[in-house]
C-alpha atoms as a PDB file:
ATOM      1  CA  MET A   1     -18.943 -38.771 -91.569  1.00  0.00           C
ATOM      2  CA  MET A   2     -20.061 -41.532 -89.023  1.00  0.00           C
ATOM      3  CA  ASN A   3     -18.742 -41.157 -85.549  1.00  0.00           C
ATOM      4  CA  GLU A   4     -16.836 -44.533 -84.624  1.00  0.00           C
ATOM      5  CA  GLU A   5     -17.419 -46.105 -81.088  1.00  0.00           C
ATOM      6  CA  LYS A   6     -13.963 -46.150 -79.492  1.00  0.00           C
ATOM      7  CA  ARG A   7     -14.898 -48.107 -76.390  1.00  0.00           C
ATOM      8  CA  LYS A   8     -13.674 -51.804 -76.070  1.00  0.00           C
ATOM      9  CA  HIS A   9     -16.590 -52.796 -74.081  1.00  0.00           C
ATOM     10  CA  PHE A  10     -20.433 -52.131 -74.552  1.00  0.00           C
ATOM     11  CA  ARG A  11     -21.895 -49.827 -71.898  1.00  0.00           C
ATOM     12  CA  VAL A  12     -25.373 -50.387 -70.649  1.00  0.00           C
ATOM     13  CA  ASP A  13     -27.521 -47.652 -69.303  1.00  0.00           C
ATOM     14  CA  SER A  14     -27.834 -48.176 -65.554  1.00  0.00           C
ATOM     15  CA  LEU A  15     -29.147 -46.254 -62.572  1.00  0.00           C
ATOM     16  CA  HIS A  16     -27.869 -47.784 -59.395  1.00  0.00           C
ATOM     17  CA  LEU A  17     -26.960 -45.755 -56.208  1.00  0.00           C
ATOM     18  CA  LEU A  18     -23.448 -45.943 -55.046  1.00  0.00           C
ATOM     19  CA  ASN A  19     -21.096 -44.686 -52.366  1.00  0.00           C
ATOM     20  CA  TYR A  20     -17.853 -43.048 -53.461  1.00  0.00           C
ATOM     21  CA  VAL A  21     -14.631 -41.995 -51.770  1.00  0.00           C
ATOM     22  CA  TYR A  22     -12.075 -39.835 -53.597  1.00  0.00           C
ATOM     23  CA  THR A  23      -8.615 -39.880 -52.527  1.00  0.00           C
ATOM     24  CA  ASP A  24      -5.921 -37.385 -52.920  1.00  0.00           C
ATOM     25  CA  ASP A  25      -2.241 -37.722 -54.113  1.00  0.00           C
ATOM     26  CA  SER A  26      -1.324 -38.945 -50.521  1.00  0.00           C
ATOM     27  CA  SER A  27      -3.895 -41.563 -50.474  1.00  0.00           C
ATOM     28  CA  GLU A  28      -5.982 -39.508 -47.831  1.00  0.00           C
ATOM     29  CA  GLU A  29      -9.629 -39.266 -48.151  1.00  0.00           C
ATOM     30  CA  ALA A  30     -10.491 -35.920 -49.878  1.00  0.00           C
ATOM     31  CA  MET A  31     -14.258 -36.430 -50.410  1.00  0.00           C
ATOM     32  CA  GLN A  32     -16.936 -38.977 -50.114  1.00  0.00           C
ATOM     33  CA  GLY A  33     -20.624 -38.989 -50.952  1.00  0.00           C
ATOM     34  CA  MET A  34     -23.544 -40.633 -52.774  1.00  0.00           C
ATOM     35  CA  GLY A  35     -24.018 -40.775 -56.427  1.00  0.00           C
ATOM     36  CA  ARG A  36     -25.473 -42.993 -59.231  1.00  0.00           C
ATOM     37  CA  THR A  37     -24.364 -44.731 -62.210  1.00  0.00           C
ATOM     38  CA  LEU A  38     -25.639 -43.430 -65.538  1.00  0.00           C
ATOM     39  CA  ASN A  39     -24.198 -46.360 -67.605  1.00  0.00           C
ATOM     40  CA  ILE A  40     -21.718 -49.055 -66.919  1.00  0.00           C
ATOM     41  CA  SER A  41     -19.506 -51.564 -68.740  1.00  0.00           C
ATOM     42  CA  GLU A  42     -16.932 -54.186 -67.512  1.00  0.00           C
ATOM     43  CA  THR A  43     -14.208 -51.579 -67.580  1.00  0.00           C
ATOM     44  CA  GLY A  44     -15.941 -48.546 -66.300  1.00  0.00           C
ATOM     45  CA  ILE A  45     -18.900 -46.289 -65.215  1.00  0.00           C
ATOM     46  CA  LEU A  46     -20.396 -42.847 -66.005  1.00  0.00           C
ATOM     47  CA  LEU A  47     -20.870 -41.473 -62.427  1.00  0.00           C
ATOM     48  CA  GLU A  48     -23.259 -38.677 -61.598  1.00  0.00           C
ATOM     49  CA  THR A  49     -22.853 -36.601 -58.423  1.00  0.00           C
ATOM     50  CA  HIS A  50     -24.029 -33.459 -56.852  1.00  0.00           C
ATOM     51  CA  THR A  51     -20.500 -32.257 -56.281  1.00  0.00           C
ATOM     52  CA  PRO A  52     -17.660 -32.065 -58.653  1.00  0.00           C
ATOM     53  CA  PRO A  53     -14.950 -34.582 -58.594  1.00  0.00           C
ATOM     54  CA  ILE A  54     -11.381 -33.615 -57.133  1.00  0.00           C
ATOM     55  CA  SER A  55      -9.787 -33.698 -60.774  1.00  0.00           C
ATOM     56  CA  VAL A  56      -9.112 -35.867 -63.585  1.00  0.00           C
ATOM     57  CA  GLY A  57      -6.647 -38.650 -62.489  1.00  0.00           C
ATOM     58  CA  SER A  58      -8.134 -38.792 -59.033  1.00  0.00           C
ATOM     59  CA  ILE A  59      -8.455 -42.293 -57.446  1.00  0.00           C
ATOM     60  CA  VAL A  60     -12.115 -43.332 -56.381  1.00  0.00           C
ATOM     61  CA  SER A  61     -13.344 -46.165 -54.466  1.00  0.00           C
ATOM     62  CA  LEU A  62     -16.759 -47.207 -55.331  1.00  0.00           C
ATOM     63  CA  THR A  63     -19.455 -49.452 -53.439  1.00  0.00           C
ATOM     64  CA  ILE A  64     -22.107 -50.243 -56.013  1.00  0.00           C
ATOM     65  CA  GLY A  65     -25.227 -52.310 -55.355  1.00  0.00           C
ATOM     66  CA  PHE A  66     -26.652 -54.614 -58.067  1.00  0.00           C
ATOM     67  CA  GLU A  67     -29.975 -55.940 -56.669  1.00  0.00           C
ATOM     68  CA  GLU A  68     -28.779 -58.411 -54.013  1.00  0.00           C
ATOM     69  CA  ASP A  69     -25.090 -58.059 -54.826  1.00  0.00           C
ATOM     70  CA  VAL A  70     -22.702 -55.314 -53.548  1.00  0.00           C
ATOM     71  CA  VAL A  71     -19.355 -54.768 -55.186  1.00  0.00           C
ATOM     72  CA  ASP A  72     -16.245 -52.639 -54.257  1.00  0.00           C
ATOM     73  CA  ILE A  73     -14.231 -51.392 -57.109  1.00  0.00           C
ATOM     74  CA  LYS A  74     -11.403 -48.761 -57.487  1.00  0.00           C
ATOM     75  CA  GLY A  75     -11.145 -46.657 -60.511  1.00  0.00           C
ATOM     76  CA  ARG A  76      -9.522 -43.386 -61.925  1.00  0.00           C
ATOM     77  CA  VAL A  77     -11.371 -40.437 -63.065  1.00  0.00           C
ATOM     78  CA  ILE A  78     -10.571 -40.100 -66.727  1.00  0.00           C
ATOM     79  CA  TYR A  79     -12.905 -37.125 -67.608  1.00  0.00           C
ATOM     80  CA  THR A  80     -15.575 -34.786 -66.076  1.00  0.00           C
ATOM     81  CA  ASN A  81     -18.425 -32.757 -67.447  1.00  0.00           C
ATOM     82  CA  GLU A  82     -20.977 -30.424 -65.987  1.00  0.00           C
ATOM     83  CA  GLY A  83     -24.242 -32.392 -66.391  1.00  0.00           C
ATOM     84  CA  LYS A  84     -27.899 -31.372 -66.239  1.00  0.00           C
ATOM     85  CA  ASN A  85     -29.748 -29.643 -63.274  1.00  0.00           C
ATOM     86  CA  ASP A  86     -26.512 -28.760 -61.544  1.00  0.00           C
ATOM     87  CA  MET A  87     -25.209 -32.256 -61.461  1.00  0.00           C
ATOM     88  CA  TYR A  88     -21.654 -33.467 -62.474  1.00  0.00           C
ATOM     89  CA  GLU A  89     -20.634 -36.465 -64.596  1.00  0.00           C
ATOM     90  CA  SER A  90     -17.311 -38.386 -64.193  1.00  0.00           C
ATOM     91  CA  GLY A  91     -16.091 -41.066 -66.450  1.00  0.00           C
ATOM     92  CA  ILE A  92     -14.422 -43.615 -64.308  1.00  0.00           C
ATOM     93  CA  GLU A  93     -11.961 -46.286 -65.469  1.00  0.00           C
ATOM     94  CA  PHE A  94     -11.732 -49.348 -63.288  1.00  0.00           C
ATOM     95  CA  PHE A  95      -8.175 -50.541 -62.470  1.00  0.00           C
ATOM     96  CA  ASP A  96      -8.563 -52.600 -59.302  1.00  0.00           C
ATOM     97  CA  ILE A  97     -11.342 -55.061 -59.769  1.00  0.00           C
ATOM     98  CA  ASN A  98     -11.347 -58.570 -57.957  1.00  0.00           C
ATOM     99  CA  ALA A  99     -12.714 -61.665 -59.806  1.00  0.00           C
ATOM    100  CA  GLU A 100     -15.852 -61.596 -57.550  1.00  0.00           C
ATOM    101  CA  ALA A 101     -16.761 -58.048 -58.624  1.00  0.00           C
ATOM    102  CA  LYS A 102     -15.975 -58.833 -62.213  1.00  0.00           C
ATOM    103  CA  ALA A 103     -18.127 -61.723 -62.175  1.00  0.00           C
ATOM    104  CA  VAL A 104     -21.181 -59.699 -60.582  1.00  0.00           C
ATOM    105  CA  LEU A 105     -20.641 -56.988 -63.327  1.00  0.00           C
ATOM    106  CA  GLY A 106     -20.510 -59.447 -66.114  1.00  0.00           C
ATOM    107  CA  LYS A 107     -23.720 -61.279 -64.696  1.00  0.00           C
ATOM    108  CA  TYR A 108     -25.531 -57.748 -64.498  1.00  0.00           C
ATOM    109  CA  ILE A 109     -24.493 -56.715 -67.918  1.00  0.00           C
ATOM    110  CA  ASN A 110     -25.383 -60.097 -69.569  1.00  0.00           C
ATOM    111  CA  ALA A 111     -28.844 -59.926 -67.861  1.00  0.00           C
ATOM    112  CA  PHE A 112     -29.330 -56.476 -69.173  1.00  0.00           C
ATOM    113  CA  ASN A 113     -28.445 -57.484 -72.646  1.00  0.00           C
ATOM    114  CA  ALA A 114     -30.823 -60.497 -72.673  1.00  0.00           C
ATOM    115  CA  GLN A 115     -33.796 -58.238 -71.829  1.00  0.00           C
END
């Protein structure tokens, strides 16, 4: 039986450094650090970090650099896994993305797909 792809948007492999800030239920900063993207789509990323996320459902503010462009995006942790080499992976679904950030993401994904 073949495994069906359930994602609405194609993900591209991506290794970009980013800054993240997790907030708790009271919107107070709970943790911040650096991580990297493992893959990215128009609606989310797979984030790799040295520390585990707060929990599924946590809100995270991301600052991601794409060559000369930097975007700020908010998302929600939808799942977490223990990755390789004592790293952690978190699936982040974007929920607050402005038009400029969406355009940068689209440009980056289109350029990657054209290669």
